C-alpha atoms as a PDB file:
ATOM      1  CA  MET A   1     110.843  32.222  98.195  1.00  0.00           C
ATOM      2  CA  ASN A   2     107.424  31.771  96.622  1.00  0.00           C
ATOM      3  CA  LEU A   3     105.569  35.051  97.209  1.00  0.00           C
ATOM      4  CA  THR A   4     101.804  35.379  96.984  1.00  0.00           C
ATOM      5  CA  ARG A   5     100.015  38.385  95.499  1.00  0.00           C
ATOM      6  CA  PRO A   6      98.303  40.280  98.311  1.00  0.00           C
ATOM      7  CA  SER A   7      94.541  39.935  98.206  1.00  0.00           C
ATOM      8  CA  LEU A   8      91.730  39.990 100.704  1.00  0.00           C
ATOM      9  CA  ASP A   9      91.375  36.197 100.464  1.00  0.00           C
ATOM     10  CA  ALA A  10      95.119  35.580 100.882  1.00  0.00           C
ATOM     11  CA  VAL A  11      95.302  37.864 103.925  1.00  0.00           C
ATOM     12  CA  ALA A  12      92.119  36.328 105.377  1.00  0.00           C
ATOM     13  CA  ASP A  13      93.639  32.855 105.034  1.00  0.00           C
ATOM     14  CA  ILE A  14      96.697  34.016 106.970  1.00  0.00           C
ATOM     15  CA  LEU A  15      94.508  35.603 109.654  1.00  0.00           C
ATOM     16  CA  VAL A  16      92.513  32.387 110.078  1.00  0.00           C
ATOM     17  CA  GLY A  17      95.750  30.425 110.363  1.00  0.00           C
ATOM     18  CA  LYS A  18      97.418  32.769 112.856  1.00  0.00           C
ATOM     19  CA  LEU A  19      94.472  34.038 114.914  1.00  0.00           C
ATOM     20  CA  ASP A  20      91.675  32.216 116.665  1.00  0.00           C
ATOM     21  CA  VAL A  21      88.945  33.521 114.346  1.00  0.00           C
ATOM     22  CA  GLU A  22      86.509  31.988 111.901  1.00  0.00           C
ATOM     23  CA  ARG A  23      86.771  32.890 108.207  1.00  0.00           C
ATOM     24  CA  GLU A  24      83.234  34.333 108.321  1.00  0.00           C
ATOM     25  CA  ALA A  25      84.325  36.869 110.959  1.00  0.00           C
ATOM     26  CA  ILE A  26      86.875  38.393 108.588  1.00  0.00           C
ATOM     27  CA  GLY A  27      85.562  41.071 106.243  1.00  0.00           C
ATOM     28  CA  PRO A  28      87.184  44.018 104.512  1.00  0.00           C
ATOM     29  CA  ASP A  29      85.799  46.597 106.948  1.00  0.00           C
ATOM     30  CA  VAL A  30      86.608  44.693 110.140  1.00  0.00           C
ATOM     31  CA  PRO A  31      89.210  46.517 112.239  1.00  0.00           C
ATOM     32  CA  MET A  32      92.209  44.329 113.005  1.00  0.00           C
ATOM     33  CA  GLY A  33      91.789  45.251 116.670  1.00  0.00           C
ATOM     34  CA  GLU A  34      88.401  43.483 116.720  1.00  0.00           C
ATOM     35  CA  LEU A  35      89.987  40.190 115.720  1.00  0.00           C
ATOM     36  CA  ALA A  36      91.437  39.696 119.225  1.00  0.00           C
ATOM     37  CA  VAL A  37      94.989  40.233 118.054  1.00  0.00           C
ATOM     38  CA  ASP A  38      97.300  39.897 121.068  1.00  0.00           C
ATOM     39  CA  SER A  39     100.960  40.884 121.008  1.00  0.00           C
ATOM     40  CA  LEU A  40     102.285  37.378 120.302  1.00  0.00           C
ATOM     41  CA  ALA A  41      99.783  36.922 117.475  1.00  0.00           C
ATOM     42  CA  VAL A  42     100.835  40.269 116.000  1.00  0.00           C
ATOM     43  CA  VAL A  43     104.490  39.198 115.957  1.00  0.00           C
ATOM     44  CA  GLU A  44     103.576  35.887 114.306  1.00  0.00           C
ATOM     45  CA  LEU A  45     101.344  37.715 111.844  1.00  0.00           C
ATOM     46  CA  THR A  46     104.055  40.168 110.806  1.00  0.00           C
ATOM     47  CA  LEU A  47     106.479  37.292 110.245  1.00  0.00           C
ATOM     48  CA  GLN A  48     103.915  35.405 108.159  1.00  0.00           C
ATOM     49  CA  LEU A  49     103.142  38.508 106.092  1.00  0.00           C
ATOM     50  CA  LYS A  50     106.854  38.903 105.388  1.00  0.00           C
ATOM     51  CA  ASP A  51     107.156  35.243 104.390  1.00  0.00           C
ATOM     52  CA  SER A  52     104.041  35.327 102.203  1.00  0.00           C
ATOM     53  CA  PHE A  53     104.330  38.754 100.586  1.00  0.00           C
ATOM     54  CA  GLY A  54     107.958  39.781 101.080  1.00  0.00           C
ATOM     55  CA  VAL A  55     107.060  43.002 102.882  1.00  0.00           C
ATOM     56  CA  THR A  56     107.683  44.321 106.361  1.00  0.00           C
ATOM     57  CA  ILE A  57     104.682  45.534 108.307  1.00  0.00           C
ATOM     58  CA  GLU A  58     105.428  47.060 111.696  1.00  0.00           C
ATOM     59  CA  GLU A  59     103.636  45.578 114.684  1.00  0.00           C
ATOM     60  CA  GLU A  60     102.189  48.979 115.601  1.00  0.00           C
ATOM     61  CA  GLU A  61     100.561  49.294 112.179  1.00  0.00           C
ATOM     62  CA  ILE A  62      98.503  46.116 112.503  1.00  0.00           C
ATOM     63  CA  GLY A  63      96.078  47.499 115.093  1.00  0.00           C
ATOM     64  CA  LEU A  64      95.505  50.729 113.196  1.00  0.00           C
ATOM     65  CA  VAL A  65      93.924  49.320 110.048  1.00  0.00           C
ATOM     66  CA  THR A  66      90.989  47.269 108.843  1.00  0.00           C
ATOM     67  CA  VAL A  67      91.507  43.979 107.027  1.00  0.00           C
ATOM     68  CA  ALA A  68      91.203  45.811 103.685  1.00  0.00           C
ATOM     69  CA  GLY A  69      93.578  48.463 105.007  1.00  0.00           C
ATOM     70  CA  LEU A  70      96.104  45.745 105.768  1.00  0.00           C
ATOM     71  CA  VAL A  71      95.850  44.511 102.169  1.00  0.00           C
ATOM     72  CA  GLU A  72      96.399  48.082 100.933  1.00  0.00           C
ATOM     73  CA  LEU A  73      99.362  48.499 103.272  1.00  0.00           C
ATOM     74  CA  ILE A  74     100.923  45.305 101.925  1.00  0.00           C
ATOM     75  CA  GLU A  75     100.329  46.430  98.346  1.00  0.00           C
ATOM     76  CA  SER A  76     101.892  49.851  99.009  1.00  0.00           C
ATOM     77  CA  ARG A  77     104.956  48.266 100.585  1.00  0.00           C
ATOM     78  CA  ASP A  78     105.180  45.735  97.763  1.00  0.00           C
ATOM     79  CA  SER A  79     105.492  48.520  95.190  1.00  0.00           C
ATOM     80  CA  ARG A  80     108.311  50.207  97.166  1.00  0.00           C
ATOM     81  CA  GLU A  81     110.392  47.162  98.136  1.00  0.00           C
END
């Protein structure tokens, strides 16, 4: 498995690929809930995050953070796993 280092750009690329949003709409302070994340998209997103970064993010956690918060969550899990 070829894992990517979590960064705002790497996470934004995943969000653009998995959600119906433009890259310009994704900023560090944007709440994930504002990106029109439906339940199917959240499942796909968690699977892609696991594939890309090797970490498990719970579906419930996605809606509680900003884009930057998601990067921080990935980084914190990366250091523990």
